[in-house]
Amino acid sequence: MEKNFIFSELLFQAIEQSHKSVNCIERELGYPRNAIHNYKEGVTPSAYRLIELAHYFHVTPDYLLGLSDGVSPISIDIIFNQSDEEQK
């Protein structure tokens, strides 16, 4: 399986599990519009952006690349701080 496809698949799984829209995530990370969508089209992220996305979704960069199942433990504080007022 192609590396970009694996990254895209795992990234969009993380997005789905976050219950946030791609546009919302792009705004929160300060990305230009469609930056994340471009990954679905096969664009490879920079190393910096890969690490930034991994931190955002509380997984390891290796996980997003399909190299491990390295999901980082998520603390209740992180979940709370990323929730909007209605979710809290």
C-alpha atoms as a PDB file:
ATOM      1  CA  MET A   1       0.000   0.000   0.000  1.00  0.00           C
ATOM      2  CA  GLU A   2       1.330   3.440  -0.913  1.00  0.00           C
ATOM      3  CA  LYS A   3       2.663   5.538   1.983  1.00  0.00           C
ATOM      4  CA  ASN A   4       0.619   8.642   1.115  1.00  0.00           C
ATOM      5  CA  PHE A   5      -2.550   6.563   0.996  1.00  0.00           C
ATOM      6  CA  ILE A   6      -1.822   5.075   4.420  1.00  0.00           C
ATOM      7  CA  PHE A   7      -1.137   8.544   5.857  1.00  0.00           C
ATOM      8  CA  SER A   8      -4.300   9.956   4.298  1.00  0.00           C
ATOM      9  CA  GLU A   9      -6.418   7.033   5.513  1.00  0.00           C
ATOM     10  CA  LEU A  10      -5.126   7.257   9.086  1.00  0.00           C
ATOM     11  CA  LEU A  11      -5.362  11.056   9.154  1.00  0.00           C
ATOM     12  CA  PHE A  12      -8.983  11.026   8.025  1.00  0.00           C
ATOM     13  CA  GLN A  13      -9.801   8.303  10.567  1.00  0.00           C
ATOM     14  CA  ALA A  14      -8.370  10.577  13.266  1.00  0.00           C
ATOM     15  CA  ILE A  15     -10.412  13.485  11.908  1.00  0.00           C
ATOM     16  CA  GLU A  16     -13.584  11.395  11.977  1.00  0.00           C
ATOM     17  CA  GLN A  17     -12.902  10.279  15.551  1.00  0.00           C
ATOM     18  CA  SER A  18     -12.371  13.900  16.607  1.00  0.00           C
ATOM     19  CA  HIS A  19     -15.968  14.739  15.555  1.00  0.00           C
ATOM     20  CA  LYS A  20     -14.676  17.990  14.052  1.00  0.00           C
ATOM     21  CA  SER A  21     -14.842  19.191  10.487  1.00  0.00           C
ATOM     22  CA  VAL A  22     -11.738  19.462   8.357  1.00  0.00           C
ATOM     23  CA  ASN A  23     -12.355  23.218   8.100  1.00  0.00           C
ATOM     24  CA  CYS A  24     -12.528  23.513  11.894  1.00  0.00           C
ATOM     25  CA  ILE A  25      -9.247  21.639  12.308  1.00  0.00           C
ATOM     26  CA  GLU A  26      -7.572  23.763   9.623  1.00  0.00           C
ATOM     27  CA  ARG A  27      -8.703  26.921  11.426  1.00  0.00           C
ATOM     28  CA  GLU A  28      -7.517  25.647  14.820  1.00  0.00           C
ATOM     29  CA  LEU A  29      -4.104  24.749  13.394  1.00  0.00           C
ATOM     30  CA  GLY A  30      -3.828  27.948  11.340  1.00  0.00           C
ATOM     31  CA  TYR A  31      -3.632  26.034   8.045  1.00  0.00           C
ATOM     32  CA  PRO A  32      -4.837  27.488   4.765  1.00  0.00           C
ATOM     33  CA  ARG A  33      -8.186  26.224   3.517  1.00  0.00           C
ATOM     34  CA  ASN A  34      -7.974  22.807   1.821  1.00  0.00           C
ATOM     35  CA  ALA A  35      -4.511  22.074   3.259  1.00  0.00           C
ATOM     36  CA  ILE A  36      -5.764  18.876   4.889  1.00  0.00           C
ATOM     37  CA  HIS A  37      -7.881  17.943   1.875  1.00  0.00           C
ATOM     38  CA  ASN A  38      -4.683  18.039  -0.211  1.00  0.00           C
ATOM     39  CA  TYR A  39      -3.332  15.142   1.854  1.00  0.00           C
ATOM     40  CA  LYS A  40      -6.282  13.068   0.660  1.00  0.00           C
ATOM     41  CA  GLU A  41      -5.162  13.856  -2.878  1.00  0.00           C
ATOM     42  CA  GLY A  42      -1.662  12.479  -2.226  1.00  0.00           C
ATOM     43  CA  VAL A  43       0.261  15.558  -1.099  1.00  0.00           C
ATOM     44  CA  THR A  44       2.937  14.591   1.425  1.00  0.00           C
ATOM     45  CA  PRO A  45       3.073  16.677   4.627  1.00  0.00           C
ATOM     46  CA  SER A  46       6.285  18.327   5.744  1.00  0.00           C
ATOM     47  CA  ALA A  47       7.975  16.778   8.764  1.00  0.00           C
ATOM     48  CA  TYR A  48       6.879  19.758  10.856  1.00  0.00           C
ATOM     49  CA  ARG A  49       3.244  19.433   9.800  1.00  0.00           C
ATOM     50  CA  LEU A  50       3.305  15.651  10.363  1.00  0.00           C
ATOM     51  CA  ILE A  51       4.448  16.220  13.946  1.00  0.00           C
ATOM     52  CA  GLU A  52       1.919  19.033  14.411  1.00  0.00           C
ATOM     53  CA  LEU A  53      -0.946  16.802  13.214  1.00  0.00           C
ATOM     54  CA  ALA A  54       0.247  13.926  15.404  1.00  0.00           C
ATOM     55  CA  HIS A  55       0.257  16.200  18.461  1.00  0.00           C
ATOM     56  CA  TYR A  56      -3.168  17.582  17.579  1.00  0.00           C
ATOM     57  CA  PHE A  57      -4.694  14.109  17.376  1.00  0.00           C
ATOM     58  CA  HIS A  58      -2.636  12.712  20.289  1.00  0.00           C
ATOM     59  CA  VAL A  59      -0.976  10.010  18.241  1.00  0.00           C
ATOM     60  CA  THR A  60       2.617   9.442  17.224  1.00  0.00           C
ATOM     61  CA  PRO A  61       3.954  10.482  13.816  1.00  0.00           C
ATOM     62  CA  ASP A  62       4.786   6.805  13.244  1.00  0.00           C
ATOM     63  CA  TYR A  63       1.111   5.984  13.753  1.00  0.00           C
ATOM     64  CA  LEU A  64       0.007   8.485  11.091  1.00  0.00           C
ATOM     65  CA  LEU A  65       2.575   6.990   8.724  1.00  0.00           C
ATOM     66  CA  GLY A  66       1.278   3.475   9.378  1.00  0.00           C
ATOM     67  CA  LEU A  67       4.528   2.367  11.008  1.00  0.00           C
ATOM     68  CA  SER A  68       3.124   1.626  14.460  1.00  0.00           C
ATOM     69  CA  ASP A  69      -0.027   1.581  16.511  1.00  0.00           C
ATOM     70  CA  GLY A  70       1.533   4.265  18.712  1.00  0.00           C
ATOM     71  CA  VAL A  71      -1.487   6.055  19.989  1.00  0.00           C
ATOM     72  CA  SER A  72      -0.439   8.332  22.816  1.00  0.00           C
ATOM     73  CA  PRO A  73      -2.422   8.245  26.024  1.00  0.00           C
ATOM     74  CA  ILE A  74      -5.015  11.000  26.106  1.00  0.00           C
ATOM     75  CA  SER A  75      -5.509  12.803  29.357  1.00  0.00           C
ATOM     76  CA  ILE A  76      -8.886  14.055  30.475  1.00  0.00           C
ATOM     77  CA  ASP A  77      -7.456  17.600  30.505  1.00  0.00           C
ATOM     78  CA  ILE A  78      -6.630  17.389  26.801  1.00  0.00           C
ATOM     79  CA  ILE A  79     -10.094  16.099  25.942  1.00  0.00           C
ATOM     80  CA  PHE A  80     -11.714  18.809  28.052  1.00  0.00           C
ATOM     81  CA  ASN A  81      -9.595  21.611  26.596  1.00  0.00           C
ATOM     82  CA  GLN A  82     -10.369  20.547  23.018  1.00  0.00           C
ATOM     83  CA  SER A  83     -14.104  20.311  23.631  1.00  0.00           C
ATOM     84  CA  ASP A  84     -16.401  23.176  22.761  1.00  0.00           C
ATOM     85  CA  GLU A  85     -18.786  24.600  25.356  1.00  0.00           C
ATOM     86  CA  GLU A  86     -21.650  22.329  24.330  1.00  0.00           C
ATOM     87  CA  GLN A  87     -19.451  19.211  24.584  1.00  0.00           C
ATOM     88  CA  LYS A  88     -18.159  20.259  28.024  1.00  0.00           C
END
